[in-house]
Each structure stands twice: as C-alpha cells, then as structure tokens.
Amino acid sequence: MKVKAIIHQAEEGGYWAEVPALPGCVTQGDTVEEVTSNLREAVEGWLSVETQETAVTQNDQIIELAL
C-alpha cells in the first residue's frame, strides 16, 4: 500500500507531517528522516485502529470494493 504524505517545516523548528487520505494521521520530528520514520508508525497505528474486527450479524452484507 502506498499513501501520500505532506511534510511541512514547523515554525518552531523541525517538521510535521500529515496524510490527507487518513484524517487525523499526523506526526512530527526534528529531521526529515525522523518525521518519515514517525509517519510509518502513525500510518500503521491509524490503519490498525480503523481495521479492527466489527460484529457482523445475519442481516449484514459483506462486499469487496476494488479501488
């Protein structure tokens, strides 16, 4: 999976980054390398929260969408 992130220079120094496709997925770091590493962790954490098991009942339908 690939996602696009935007790395911004922080006014107070260092960097902060966001992933527009994943609302609320933001992080920061002192260097571009650090913020990139932190982004990887932030995306993994965001996806693990969003993909937790959900209770499915007999009346529910499960479909797959190709995007």
C-alpha atoms as a PDB file:
ATOM      1  CA  MET A   1       0.000   0.000   0.000  1.00  0.00           C
ATOM      2  CA  LYS A   2       1.221   3.484  -0.783  1.00  0.00           C
ATOM      3  CA  VAL A   3      -0.091   6.715   0.689  1.00  0.00           C
ATOM      4  CA  LYS A   4       0.920  10.288   0.027  1.00  0.00           C
ATOM      5  CA  ALA A   5       2.070  12.444   2.920  1.00  0.00           C
ATOM      6  CA  ILE A   6       2.879  16.130   3.151  1.00  0.00           C
ATOM      7  CA  ILE A   7       5.912  17.159   5.193  1.00  0.00           C
ATOM      8  CA  HIS A   8       5.815  20.732   6.475  1.00  0.00           C
ATOM      9  CA  GLN A   9       8.550  22.766   8.136  1.00  0.00           C
ATOM     10  CA  ALA A  10       7.417  23.648  11.655  1.00  0.00           C
ATOM     11  CA  GLU A  11       7.668  27.290  12.724  1.00  0.00           C
ATOM     12  CA  GLU A  12       9.377  26.283  15.966  1.00  0.00           C
ATOM     13  CA  GLY A  13      11.891  24.098  14.109  1.00  0.00           C
ATOM     14  CA  GLY A  14      11.759  20.549  12.874  1.00  0.00           C
ATOM     15  CA  TYR A  15       8.993  19.150  10.747  1.00  0.00           C
ATOM     16  CA  TRP A  16       5.431  17.917  10.970  1.00  0.00           C
ATOM     17  CA  ALA A  17       3.611  15.711   8.501  1.00  0.00           C
ATOM     18  CA  GLU A  18       0.101  14.683   7.602  1.00  0.00           C
ATOM     19  CA  VAL A  19      -1.551  12.044   5.441  1.00  0.00           C
ATOM     20  CA  PRO A  20      -4.558  13.726   3.807  1.00  0.00           C
ATOM     21  CA  ALA A  21      -6.200  10.396   2.915  1.00  0.00           C
ATOM     22  CA  LEU A  22      -6.173   9.352   6.598  1.00  0.00           C
ATOM     23  CA  PRO A  23      -7.951  12.041   8.659  1.00  0.00           C
ATOM     24  CA  GLY A  24      -6.099  12.818  11.871  1.00  0.00           C
ATOM     25  CA  CYS A  25      -2.961  10.938  10.828  1.00  0.00           C
ATOM     26  CA  VAL A  26      -0.247  13.453  11.757  1.00  0.00           C
ATOM     27  CA  THR A  27       3.198  13.301  13.330  1.00  0.00           C
ATOM     28  CA  GLN A  28       6.329  15.376  13.858  1.00  0.00           C
ATOM     29  CA  GLY A  29      10.106  15.032  14.025  1.00  0.00           C
ATOM     30  CA  ASP A  30      13.322  17.014  14.271  1.00  0.00           C
ATOM     31  CA  THR A  31      14.601  15.860  10.859  1.00  0.00           C
ATOM     32  CA  VAL A  32      13.019  14.691   7.598  1.00  0.00           C
ATOM     33  CA  GLU A  33      14.338  11.192   8.345  1.00  0.00           C
ATOM     34  CA  GLU A  34      12.736  11.204  11.800  1.00  0.00           C
ATOM     35  CA  VAL A  35       9.390  12.526  10.585  1.00  0.00           C
ATOM     36  CA  THR A  36       9.402   9.900   7.799  1.00  0.00           C
ATOM     37  CA  SER A  37      10.017   7.125  10.314  1.00  0.00           C
ATOM     38  CA  ASN A  38       7.312   8.534  12.586  1.00  0.00           C
ATOM     39  CA  LEU A  39       4.936   8.702   9.604  1.00  0.00           C
ATOM     40  CA  ARG A  40       5.345   4.996   9.022  1.00  0.00           C
ATOM     41  CA  GLU A  41       4.369   4.316  12.649  1.00  0.00           C
ATOM     42  CA  ALA A  42       1.479   6.797  12.502  1.00  0.00           C
ATOM     43  CA  VAL A  43       0.013   5.214   9.364  1.00  0.00           C
ATOM     44  CA  GLU A  44       0.355   1.703  10.790  1.00  0.00           C
ATOM     45  CA  GLY A  45      -1.337   2.826  14.001  1.00  0.00           C
ATOM     46  CA  TRP A  46      -4.127   4.618  12.127  1.00  0.00           C
ATOM     47  CA  LEU A  47      -4.802   1.568   9.966  1.00  0.00           C
ATOM     48  CA  SER A  48      -4.772  -0.847  12.898  1.00  0.00           C
ATOM     49  CA  VAL A  49      -7.445   1.219  14.667  1.00  0.00           C
ATOM     50  CA  GLU A  50      -9.570   1.568  11.553  1.00  0.00           C
ATOM     51  CA  THR A  51      -9.447  -2.136  10.672  1.00  0.00           C
ATOM     52  CA  GLN A  52     -10.439  -3.679  13.979  1.00  0.00           C
ATOM     53  CA  GLU A  53     -12.953  -6.504  13.797  1.00  0.00           C
ATOM     54  CA  THR A  54     -16.567  -5.425  13.657  1.00  0.00           C
ATOM     55  CA  ALA A  55     -19.502  -7.581  14.751  1.00  0.00           C
ATOM     56  CA  VAL A  56     -21.363  -8.942  11.723  1.00  0.00           C
ATOM     57  CA  THR A  57     -24.937 -10.206  12.014  1.00  0.00           C
ATOM     58  CA  GLN A  58     -27.082 -12.327   9.700  1.00  0.00           C
ATOM     59  CA  ASN A  59     -28.698  -9.193   8.274  1.00  0.00           C
ATOM     60  CA  ASP A  60     -25.381  -7.617   7.272  1.00  0.00           C
ATOM     61  CA  GLN A  61     -23.762  -7.938   3.860  1.00  0.00           C
ATOM     62  CA  ILE A  62     -20.022  -8.027   3.286  1.00  0.00           C
ATOM     63  CA  ILE A  63     -18.775  -6.786  -0.062  1.00  0.00           C
ATOM     64  CA  GLU A  64     -15.345  -6.096  -1.522  1.00  0.00           C
ATOM     65  CA  LEU A  65     -14.612  -2.922  -3.461  1.00  0.00           C
ATOM     66  CA  ALA A  66     -11.738  -2.578  -5.881  1.00  0.00           C
ATOM     67  CA  LEU A  67     -10.418   0.972  -5.869  1.00  0.00           C
END
